Amino acid sequence: MEKGGYVYIITNKNNTVLYTGVTSDLSKRIAEHKETIYKKSFTTKYNLDKLVYFEHFNLIIFAIEREKQIKAGTRKKKLDLINSLNPEWKDLFEDIIHW
């Protein structure tokens, strides 16, 4: 049976760089970003660890499709997406770690 998945957007403390990713375990993946597990990664290089947007899908393949759609969009579309659900750009990690 296939696991569900998440597409997510993280940023840095100044909200200047955006990264869109996909995972089957959102809380674990964001914790990895916060702990800078992958020292040479884009997210570590730009200090991206603030979860500002995510969507859940019942199948990981749908999360991957959505990730590709978001990545293909303009920066403005990504900003609009974040602002539509998280206008204060709050770090949503605290909301998900208790799942």
PDB file of N, CA and C in Angstrom:
ATOM      1  N   MET A   1       0.843  -1.188   0.000  1.00  0.00           N
ATOM      2  CA  MET A   1       0.000   0.000   0.000  1.00  0.00           C
ATOM      3  C   MET A   1       0.887   1.250   0.000  1.00  0.00           C
ATOM      4  N   GLU A   2       0.539   2.205  -0.838  1.00  0.00           N
ATOM      5  CA  GLU A   2       1.343   3.420  -0.961  1.00  0.00           C
ATOM      6  C   GLU A   2       0.998   4.418   0.140  1.00  0.00           C
ATOM      7  N   LYS A   3       2.047   5.064   0.646  1.00  0.00           N
ATOM      8  CA  LYS A   3       1.876   6.092   1.676  1.00  0.00           C
ATOM      9  C   LYS A   3       1.359   7.386   1.067  1.00  0.00           C
ATOM     10  N   GLY A   4       0.757   8.195   1.901  1.00  0.00           N
ATOM     11  CA  GLY A   4       0.402   9.542   1.488  1.00  0.00           C
ATOM     12  C   GLY A   4       1.643  10.407   1.433  1.00  0.00           C
ATOM     13  N   GLY A   5       1.451  11.646   1.070  1.00  0.00           N
ATOM     14  CA  GLY A   5       2.604  12.520   0.985  1.00  0.00           C
ATOM     15  C   GLY A   5       2.237  13.973   1.166  1.00  0.00           C
ATOM     16  N   TYR A   6       3.269  14.789   1.291  1.00  0.00           N
ATOM     17  CA  TYR A   6       3.123  16.224   1.503  1.00  0.00           C
ATOM     18  C   TYR A   6       3.995  16.972   0.519  1.00  0.00           C
ATOM     19  N   VAL A   7       3.503  18.100   0.055  1.00  0.00           N
ATOM     20  CA  VAL A   7       4.331  19.064  -0.631  1.00  0.00           C
ATOM     21  C   VAL A   7       4.448  20.231   0.343  1.00  0.00           C
ATOM     22  N   TYR A   8       5.627  20.834   0.412  1.00  0.00           N
ATOM     23  CA  TYR A   8       5.835  21.893   1.400  1.00  0.00           C
ATOM     24  C   TYR A   8       6.730  22.979   0.837  1.00  0.00           C
ATOM     25  N   ILE A   9       6.626  24.151   1.446  1.00  0.00           N
ATOM     26  CA  ILE A   9       7.507  25.266   1.115  1.00  0.00           C
ATOM     27  C   ILE A   9       8.146  25.738   2.410  1.00  0.00           C
ATOM     28  N   ILE A  10       9.480  25.864   2.377  1.00  0.00           N
ATOM     29  CA  ILE A  10      10.203  26.415   3.513  1.00  0.00           C
ATOM     30  C   ILE A  10      10.966  27.655   3.055  1.00  0.00           C
ATOM     31  N   THR A  11      11.327  28.473   4.027  1.00  0.00           N
ATOM     32  CA  THR A  11      12.053  29.702   3.745  1.00  0.00           C
ATOM     33  C   THR A  11      13.053  29.960   4.873  1.00  0.00           C
ATOM     34  N   ASN A  12      13.748  31.082   4.782  1.00  0.00           N
ATOM     35  CA  ASN A  12      14.687  31.467   5.842  1.00  0.00           C
ATOM     36  C   ASN A  12      14.007  32.482   6.770  1.00  0.00           C
ATOM     37  N   LYS A  13      14.727  32.946   7.771  1.00  0.00           N
ATOM     38  CA  LYS A  13      14.118  33.847   8.763  1.00  0.00           C
ATOM     39  C   LYS A  13      13.653  35.170   8.155  1.00  0.00           C
ATOM     40  N   ASN A  14      14.281  35.593   7.060  1.00  0.00           N
ATOM     41  CA  ASN A  14      13.895  36.853   6.409  1.00  0.00           C
ATOM     42  C   ASN A  14      12.905  36.661   5.261  1.00  0.00           C
ATOM     43  N   ASN A  15      12.494  35.423   5.036  1.00  0.00           N
ATOM     44  CA  ASN A  15      11.520  35.088   3.989  1.00  0.00           C
ATOM     45  C   ASN A  15      11.992  35.486   2.591  1.00  0.00           C
ATOM     46  N   THR A  16      13.290  35.383   2.333  1.00  0.00           N
ATOM     47  CA  THR A  16      13.817  35.830   1.044  1.00  0.00           C
ATOM     48  C   THR A  16      14.062  34.710   0.041  1.00  0.00           C
ATOM     49  N   VAL A  17      14.276  33.478   0.521  1.00  0.00           N
ATOM     50  CA  VAL A  17      14.532  32.348  -0.366  1.00  0.00           C
ATOM     51  C   VAL A  17      13.464  31.297  -0.106  1.00  0.00           C
ATOM     52  N   LEU A  18      12.927  30.722  -1.182  1.00  0.00           N
ATOM     53  CA  LEU A  18      11.899  29.696  -1.060  1.00  0.00           C
ATOM     54  C   LEU A  18      12.404  28.367  -1.594  1.00  0.00           C
ATOM     55  N   TYR A  19      11.992  27.284  -0.946  1.00  0.00           N
ATOM     56  CA  TYR A  19      12.309  25.936  -1.404  1.00  0.00           C
ATOM     57  C   TYR A  19      11.040  25.112  -1.336  1.00  0.00           C
ATOM     58  N   THR A  20      10.726  24.422  -2.405  1.00  0.00           N
ATOM     59  CA  THR A  20       9.562  23.541  -2.459  1.00  0.00           C
ATOM     60  C   THR A  20      10.051  22.104  -2.463  1.00  0.00           C
ATOM     61  N   GLY A  21       9.491  21.289  -1.582  1.00  0.00           N
ATOM     62  CA  GLY A  21       9.892  19.891  -1.484  1.00  0.00           C
ATOM     63  C   GLY A  21       8.705  18.976  -1.324  1.00  0.00           C
ATOM     64  N   VAL A  22       8.975  17.680  -1.327  1.00  0.00           N
ATOM     65  CA  VAL A  22       7.942  16.662  -1.156  1.00  0.00           C
ATOM     66  C   VAL A  22       8.477  15.591  -0.212  1.00  0.00           C
ATOM     67  N   THR A  23       7.602  15.030   0.599  1.00  0.00           N
ATOM     68  CA  THR A  23       8.008  14.013   1.569  1.00  0.00           C
ATOM     69  C   THR A  23       6.806  13.174   1.980  1.00  0.00           C
ATOM     70  N   SER A  24       7.075  12.002   2.516  1.00  0.00           N
ATOM     71  CA  SER A  24       5.997  11.178   3.070  1.00  0.00           C
ATOM     72  C   SER A  24       5.858  11.395   4.576  1.00  0.00           C
ATOM     73  N   ASP A  25       6.846  12.021   5.193  1.00  0.00           N
ATOM     74  CA  ASP A  25       6.827  12.264   6.642  1.00  0.00           C
ATOM     75  C   ASP A  25       7.222  13.723   6.899  1.00  0.00           C
ATOM     76  N   LEU A  26       6.229  14.591   6.953  1.00  0.00           N
ATOM     77  CA  LEU A  26       6.477  16.031   7.019  1.00  0.00           C
ATOM     78  C   LEU A  26       7.225  16.446   8.280  1.00  0.00           C
ATOM     79  N   SER A  27       6.799  15.986   9.441  1.00  0.00           N
ATOM     80  CA  SER A  27       7.458  16.430  10.676  1.00  0.00           C
ATOM     81  C   SER A  27       8.916  15.980  10.711  1.00  0.00           C
ATOM     82  N   LYS A  28       9.196  14.755  10.258  1.00  0.00           N
ATOM     83  CA  LYS A  28      10.575  14.267  10.225  1.00  0.00           C
ATOM     84  C   LYS A  28      11.413  15.083   9.241  1.00  0.00           C
ATOM     85  N   ARG A  29      10.859  15.358   8.070  1.00  0.00           N
ATOM     86  CA  ARG A  29      11.622  16.068   7.043  1.00  0.00           C
ATOM     87  C   ARG A  29      11.936  17.496   7.474  1.00  0.00           C
ATOM     88  N   ILE A  30      10.970  18.190   8.075  1.00  0.00           N
ATOM     89  CA  ILE A  30      11.219  19.566   8.512  1.00  0.00           C
ATOM     90  C   ILE A  30      12.228  19.567   9.663  1.00  0.00           C
ATOM     91  N   ALA A  31      12.147  18.577  10.535  1.00  0.00           N
ATOM     92  CA  ALA A  31      13.140  18.461  11.607  1.00  0.00           C
ATOM     93  C   ALA A  31      14.537  18.292  11.013  1.00  0.00           C
ATOM     94  N   GLU A  32      14.650  17.524   9.932  1.00  0.00           N
ATOM     95  CA  GLU A  32      15.948  17.365   9.264  1.00  0.00           C
ATOM     96  C   GLU A  32      16.452  18.698   8.724  1.00  0.00           C
ATOM     97  N   HIS A  33      15.557  19.491   8.150  1.00  0.00           N
ATOM     98  CA  HIS A  33      15.959  20.820   7.673  1.00  0.00           C
ATOM     99  C   HIS A  33      16.436  21.675   8.855  1.00  0.00           C
ATOM    100  N   LYS A  34      15.708  21.643   9.948  1.00  0.00           N
ATOM    101  CA  LYS A  34      16.061  22.459  11.110  1.00  0.00           C
ATOM    102  C   LYS A  34      17.390  22.028  11.727  1.00  0.00           C
ATOM    103  N   GLU A  35      17.681  20.739  11.658  1.00  0.00           N
ATOM    104  CA  GLU A  35      18.921  20.207  12.236  1.00  0.00           C
ATOM    105  C   GLU A  35      20.074  20.220  11.226  1.00  0.00           C
ATOM    106  N   THR A  36      19.839  20.730  10.042  1.00  0.00           N
ATOM    107  CA  THR A  36      20.826  20.792   8.949  1.00  0.00           C
ATOM    108  C   THR A  36      21.565  19.458   8.780  1.00  0.00           C
ATOM    109  N   ILE A  37      20.785  18.408   8.632  1.00  0.00           N
ATOM    110  CA  ILE A  37      21.326  17.056   8.465  1.00  0.00           C
ATOM    111  C   ILE A  37      22.218  16.960   7.218  1.00  0.00           C
ATOM    112  N   TYR A  38      21.778  17.577   6.129  1.00  0.00           N
ATOM    113  CA  TYR A  38      22.519  17.490   4.871  1.00  0.00           C
ATOM    114  C   TYR A  38      23.326  18.771   4.682  1.00  0.00           C
ATOM    115  N   LYS A  39      24.560  18.734   5.103  1.00  0.00           N
ATOM    116  CA  LYS A  39      25.408  19.925   5.215  1.00  0.00           C
ATOM    117  C   LYS A  39      25.657  20.659   3.895  1.00  0.00           C
ATOM    118  N   LYS A  40      25.647  19.958   2.775  1.00  0.00           N
ATOM    119  CA  LYS A  40      25.942  20.595   1.493  1.00  0.00           C
ATOM    120  C   LYS A  40      24.688  20.884   0.671  1.00  0.00           C
ATOM    121  N   SER A  41      23.534  20.764   1.279  1.00  0.00           N
ATOM    122  CA  SER A  41      22.284  20.952   0.543  1.00  0.00           C
ATOM    123  C   SER A  41      21.951  22.428   0.335  1.00  0.00           C
ATOM    124  N   PHE A  42      21.086  22.686  -0.624  1.00  0.00           N
ATOM    125  CA  PHE A  42      20.596  24.033  -0.903  1.00  0.00           C
ATOM    126  C   PHE A  42      19.946  24.632   0.345  1.00  0.00           C
ATOM    127  N   THR A  43      19.149  23.822   1.038  1.00  0.00           N
ATOM    128  CA  THR A  43      18.415  24.335   2.202  1.00  0.00           C
ATOM    129  C   THR A  43      19.345  24.708   3.350  1.00  0.00           C
ATOM    130  N   THR A  44      20.422  23.962   3.525  1.00  0.00           N
ATOM    131  CA  THR A  44      21.408  24.302   4.559  1.00  0.00           C
ATOM    132  C   THR A  44      22.193  25.542   4.152  1.00  0.00           C
ATOM    133  N   LYS A  45      22.597  25.599   2.879  1.00  0.00           N
ATOM    134  CA  LYS A  45      23.380  26.736   2.388  1.00  0.00           C
ATOM    135  C   LYS A  45      22.655  28.062   2.601  1.00  0.00           C
ATOM    136  N   TYR A  46      21.331  28.056   2.426  1.00  0.00           N
ATOM    137  CA  TYR A  46      20.551  29.284   2.535  1.00  0.00           C
ATOM    138  C   TYR A  46      19.732  29.377   3.831  1.00  0.00           C
ATOM    139  N   ASN A  47      20.044  28.510   4.801  1.00  0.00           N
ATOM    140  CA  ASN A  47      19.394  28.530   6.127  1.00  0.00           C
ATOM    141  C   ASN A  47      17.877  28.428   6.029  1.00  0.00           C
ATOM    142  N   LEU A  48      17.393  27.513   5.210  1.00  0.00           N
ATOM    143  CA  LEU A  48      15.953  27.334   5.036  1.00  0.00           C
ATOM    144  C   LEU A  48      15.449  26.287   6.016  1.00  0.00           C
ATOM    145  N   ASP A  49      14.665  26.732   6.990  1.00  0.00           N
ATOM    146  CA  ASP A  49      14.127  25.792   7.973  1.00  0.00           C
ATOM    147  C   ASP A  49      12.771  26.226   8.526  1.00  0.00           C
ATOM    148  N   LYS A  50      12.169  27.214   7.914  1.00  0.00           N
ATOM    149  CA  LYS A  50      10.894  27.750   8.398  1.00  0.00           C
ATOM    150  C   LYS A  50       9.770  27.255   7.477  1.00  0.00           C
ATOM    151  N   LEU A  51       8.940  26.365   7.991  1.00  0.00           N
ATOM    152  CA  LEU A  51       7.828  25.803   7.220  1.00  0.00           C
ATOM    153  C   LEU A  51       6.712  26.836   7.122  1.00  0.00           C
ATOM    154  N   VAL A  52       6.423  27.289   5.903  1.00  0.00           N
ATOM    155  CA  VAL A  52       5.394  28.321   5.733  1.00  0.00           C
ATOM    156  C   VAL A  52       4.181  27.840   4.942  1.00  0.00           C
ATOM    157  N   TYR A  53       4.279  26.655   4.343  1.00  0.00           N
ATOM    158  CA  TYR A  53       3.157  26.148   3.550  1.00  0.00           C
ATOM    159  C   TYR A  53       3.292  24.638   3.397  1.00  0.00           C
ATOM    160  N   PHE A  54       2.156  23.930   3.419  1.00  0.00           N
ATOM    161  CA  PHE A  54       2.154  22.505   3.077  1.00  0.00           C
ATOM    162  C   PHE A  54       0.759  22.069   2.660  1.00  0.00           C
ATOM    163  N   GLU A  55       0.732  21.001   1.889  1.00  0.00           N
ATOM    164  CA  GLU A  55      -0.510  20.353   1.481  1.00  0.00           C
ATOM    165  C   GLU A  55      -0.318  18.859   1.673  1.00  0.00           C
ATOM    166  N   HIS A  56      -1.387  18.155   2.057  1.00  0.00           N
ATOM    167  CA  HIS A  56      -1.347  16.706   2.224  1.00  0.00           C
ATOM    168  C   HIS A  56      -2.115  16.043   1.082  1.00  0.00           C
ATOM    169  N   PHE A  57      -1.604  14.881   0.641  1.00  0.00           N
ATOM    170  CA  PHE A  57      -2.247  14.090  -0.403  1.00  0.00           C
ATOM    171  C   PHE A  57      -2.303  12.643   0.049  1.00  0.00           C
ATOM    172  N   ASN A  58      -3.361  11.946  -0.340  1.00  0.00           N
ATOM    173  CA  ASN A  58      -3.511  10.548   0.055  1.00  0.00           C
ATOM    174  C   ASN A  58      -2.486   9.643  -0.609  1.00  0.00           C
ATOM    175  N   LEU A  59      -2.014  10.042  -1.783  1.00  0.00           N
ATOM    176  CA  LEU A  59      -0.998   9.279  -2.498  1.00  0.00           C
ATOM    177  C   LEU A  59       0.211  10.174  -2.768  1.00  0.00           C
ATOM    178  N   ILE A  60       1.402   9.626  -2.555  1.00  0.00           N
ATOM    179  CA  ILE A  60       2.626  10.397  -2.748  1.00  0.00           C
ATOM    180  C   ILE A  60       2.761  10.879  -4.193  1.00  0.00           C
ATOM    181  N   ILE A  61       2.238  10.114  -5.144  1.00  0.00           N
ATOM    182  CA  ILE A  61       2.357  10.530  -6.545  1.00  0.00           C
ATOM    183  C   ILE A  61       1.638  11.852  -6.791  1.00  0.00           C
ATOM    184  N   PHE A  62       0.552  12.093  -6.066  1.00  0.00           N
ATOM    185  CA  PHE A  62      -0.163  13.368  -6.214  1.00  0.00           C
ATOM    186  C   PHE A  62       0.631  14.514  -5.588  1.00  0.00           C
ATOM    187  N   ALA A  63       1.337  14.221  -4.502  1.00  0.00           N
ATOM    188  CA  ALA A  63       2.191  15.235  -3.883  1.00  0.00           C
ATOM    189  C   ALA A  63       3.337  15.593  -4.830  1.00  0.00           C
ATOM    190  N   ILE A  64       3.890  14.606  -5.500  1.00  0.00           N
ATOM    191  CA  ILE A  64       4.979  14.847  -6.449  1.00  0.00           C
ATOM    192  C   ILE A  64       4.481  15.680  -7.628  1.00  0.00           C
ATOM    193  N   GLU A  65       3.291  15.370  -8.114  1.00  0.00           N
ATOM    194  CA  GLU A  65       2.698  16.161  -9.207  1.00  0.00           C
ATOM    195  C   GLU A  65       2.506  17.615  -8.779  1.00  0.00           C
ATOM    196  N   ARG A  66       2.005  17.807  -7.576  1.00  0.00           N
ATOM    197  CA  ARG A  66       1.773  19.166  -7.072  1.00  0.00           C
ATOM    198  C   ARG A  66       3.091  19.905  -6.877  1.00  0.00           C
ATOM    199  N   GLU A  67       4.124  19.200  -6.403  1.00  0.00           N
ATOM    200  CA  GLU A  67       5.442  19.816  -6.241  1.00  0.00           C
ATOM    201  C   GLU A  67       5.936  20.348  -7.593  1.00  0.00           C
ATOM    202  N   LYS A  68       5.805  19.549  -8.632  1.00  0.00           N
ATOM    203  CA  LYS A  68       6.245  19.963  -9.965  1.00  0.00           C
ATOM    204  C   LYS A  68       5.460  21.187 -10.443  1.00  0.00           C
ATOM    205  N   GLN A  69       4.152  21.193 -10.145  1.00  0.00           N
ATOM    206  CA  GLN A  69       3.298  22.322 -10.531  1.00  0.00           C
ATOM    207  C   GLN A  69       3.739  23.602  -9.815  1.00  0.00           C
ATOM    208  N   ILE A  70       3.987  23.505  -8.529  1.00  0.00           N
ATOM    209  CA  ILE A  70       4.419  24.675  -7.752  1.00  0.00           C
ATOM    210  C   ILE A  70       5.790  25.148  -8.224  1.00  0.00           C
ATOM    211  N   LYS A  71       6.721  24.231  -8.410  1.00  0.00           N
ATOM    212  CA  LYS A  71       8.069  24.609  -8.852  1.00  0.00           C
ATOM    213  C   LYS A  71       8.056  25.279 -10.222  1.00  0.00           C
ATOM    214  N   ALA A  72       7.108  24.895 -11.081  1.00  0.00           N
ATOM    215  CA  ALA A  72       7.021  25.476 -12.425  1.00  0.00           C
ATOM    216  C   ALA A  72       6.425  26.879 -12.403  1.00  0.00           C
ATOM    217  N   GLY A  73       5.785  27.240 -11.296  1.00  0.00           N
ATOM    218  CA  GLY A  73       5.143  28.549 -11.184  1.00  0.00           C
ATOM    219  C   GLY A  73       6.142  29.651 -10.878  1.00  0.00           C
ATOM    220  N   THR A  74       5.692  30.852 -11.025  1.00  0.00           N
ATOM    221  CA  THR A  74       6.529  32.022 -10.739  1.00  0.00           C
ATOM    222  C   THR A  74       6.683  32.205  -9.232  1.00  0.00           C
ATOM    223  N   ARG A  75       7.636  33.019  -8.850  1.00  0.00           N
ATOM    224  CA  ARG A  75       7.810  33.363  -7.433  1.00  0.00           C
ATOM    225  C   ARG A  75       6.536  34.019  -6.901  1.00  0.00           C
ATOM    226  N   LYS A  76       5.924  34.885  -7.711  1.00  0.00           N
ATOM    227  CA  LYS A  76       4.686  35.547  -7.288  1.00  0.00           C
ATOM    228  C   LYS A  76       3.601  34.531  -6.970  1.00  0.00           C
ATOM    229  N   LYS A  77       3.477  33.493  -7.791  1.00  0.00           N
ATOM    230  CA  LYS A  77       2.465  32.462  -7.531  1.00  0.00           C
ATOM    231  C   LYS A  77       2.753  31.745  -6.220  1.00  0.00           C
ATOM    232  N   LYS A  78       4.029  31.499  -5.938  1.00  0.00           N
ATOM    233  CA  LYS A  78       4.391  30.855  -4.671  1.00  0.00           C
ATOM    234  C   LYS A  78       4.068  31.774  -3.497  1.00  0.00           C
ATOM    235  N   LEU A  79       4.373  33.060  -3.632  1.00  0.00           N
ATOM    236  CA  LEU A  79       4.068  34.025  -2.570  1.00  0.00           C
ATOM    237  C   LEU A  79       2.561  34.116  -2.350  1.00  0.00           C
ATOM    238  N   ASP A  80       1.799  34.146  -3.434  1.00  0.00           N
ATOM    239  CA  ASP A  80       0.335  34.191  -3.327  1.00  0.00           C
ATOM    240  C   ASP A  80      -0.200  32.945  -2.627  1.00  0.00           C
ATOM    241  N   LEU A  81       0.367  31.790  -2.944  1.00  0.00           N
ATOM    242  CA  LEU A  81      -0.040  30.538  -2.328  1.00  0.00           C
ATOM    243  C   LEU A  81       0.204  30.578  -0.821  1.00  0.00           C
ATOM    244  N   ILE A  82       1.388  30.995  -0.426  1.00  0.00           N
ATOM    245  CA  ILE A  82       1.724  31.092   1.000  1.00  0.00           C
ATOM    246  C   ILE A  82       0.801  32.107   1.685  1.00  0.00           C
ATOM    247  N   ASN A  83       0.663  33.282   1.083  1.00  0.00           N
ATOM    248  CA  ASN A  83      -0.166  34.340   1.685  1.00  0.00           C
ATOM    249  C   ASN A  83      -1.627  33.949   1.801  1.00  0.00           C
ATOM    250  N   SER A  84      -2.108  33.083   0.930  1.00  0.00           N
ATOM    251  CA  SER A  84      -3.519  32.679   0.981  1.00  0.00           C
ATOM    252  C   SER A  84      -3.821  31.832   2.213  1.00  0.00           C
ATOM    253  N   LEU A  85      -2.843  31.072   2.687  1.00  0.00           N
ATOM    254  CA  LEU A  85      -3.075  30.192   3.838  1.00  0.00           C
ATOM    255  C   LEU A  85      -2.286  30.573   5.081  1.00  0.00           C
ATOM    256  N   ASN A  86      -1.242  31.361   4.913  1.00  0.00           N
ATOM    257  CA  ASN A  86      -0.375  31.717   6.040  1.00  0.00           C
ATOM    258  C   ASN A  86       0.109  33.163   5.859  1.00  0.00           C
ATOM    259  N   PRO A  87      -0.813  34.128   5.916  1.00  0.00           N
ATOM    260  CA  PRO A  87      -0.441  35.521   5.630  1.00  0.00           C
ATOM    261  C   PRO A  87       0.587  36.112   6.591  1.00  0.00           C
ATOM    262  N   GLU A  88       0.723  35.557   7.774  1.00  0.00           N
ATOM    263  CA  GLU A  88       1.710  36.054   8.736  1.00  0.00           C
ATOM    264  C   GLU A  88       3.070  35.367   8.581  1.00  0.00           C
ATOM    265  N   TRP A  89       3.152  34.421   7.669  1.00  0.00           N
ATOM    266  CA  TRP A  89       4.369  33.656   7.436  1.00  0.00           C
ATOM    267  C   TRP A  89       4.881  33.031   8.740  1.00  0.00           C
ATOM    268  N   LYS A  90       3.964  32.519   9.531  1.00  0.00           N
ATOM    269  CA  LYS A  90       4.279  31.834  10.778  1.00  0.00           C
ATOM    270  C   LYS A  90       4.971  30.502  10.462  1.00  0.00           C
ATOM    271  N   ASP A  91       5.922  30.100  11.296  1.00  0.00           N
ATOM    272  CA  ASP A  91       6.547  28.787  11.152  1.00  0.00           C
ATOM    273  C   ASP A  91       5.524  27.745  11.606  1.00  0.00           C
ATOM    274  N   LEU A  92       5.071  26.912  10.686  1.00  0.00           N
ATOM    275  CA  LEU A  92       4.019  25.934  10.955  1.00  0.00           C
ATOM    276  C   LEU A  92       4.549  24.649  11.593  1.00  0.00           C
ATOM    277  N   PHE A  93       5.840  24.566  11.808  1.00  0.00           N
ATOM    278  CA  PHE A  93       6.431  23.354  12.369  1.00  0.00           C
ATOM    279  C   PHE A  93       5.832  23.001  13.730  1.00  0.00           C
ATOM    280  N   GLU A  94       5.660  24.000  14.569  1.00  0.00           N
ATOM    281  CA  GLU A  94       5.091  23.751  15.905  1.00  0.00           C
ATOM    282  C   GLU A  94       3.691  23.141  15.806  1.00  0.00           C
ATOM    283  N   ASP A  95       2.960  23.484  14.755  1.00  0.00           N
ATOM    284  CA  ASP A  95       1.607  22.954  14.575  1.00  0.00           C
ATOM    285  C   ASP A  95       1.612  21.479  14.179  1.00  0.00           C
ATOM    286  N   ILE A  96       2.680  21.021  13.528  1.00  0.00           N
ATOM    287  CA  ILE A  96       2.684  19.655  13.015  1.00  0.00           C
ATOM    288  C   ILE A  96       3.453  18.660  13.876  1.00  0.00           C
ATOM    289  N   ILE A  97       4.317  19.104  14.765  1.00  0.00           N
ATOM    290  CA  ILE A  97       5.149  18.156  15.505  1.00  0.00           C
ATOM    291  C   ILE A  97       4.341  17.314  16.501  1.00  0.00           C
ATOM    292  N   HIS A  98       3.131  17.709  16.785  1.00  0.00           N
ATOM    293  CA  HIS A  98       2.315  16.962  17.751  1.00  0.00           C
ATOM    294  C   HIS A  98       1.352  16.003  17.067  1.00  0.00           C
ATOM    295  N   TRP A  99       1.509  15.797  15.762  1.00  0.00           N
ATOM    296  CA  TRP A  99       0.630  14.859  15.046  1.00  0.00           C
ATOM    297  C   TRP A  99       0.903  13.454  15.461  1.00  0.00           C
TER     298      TRP A  99
END
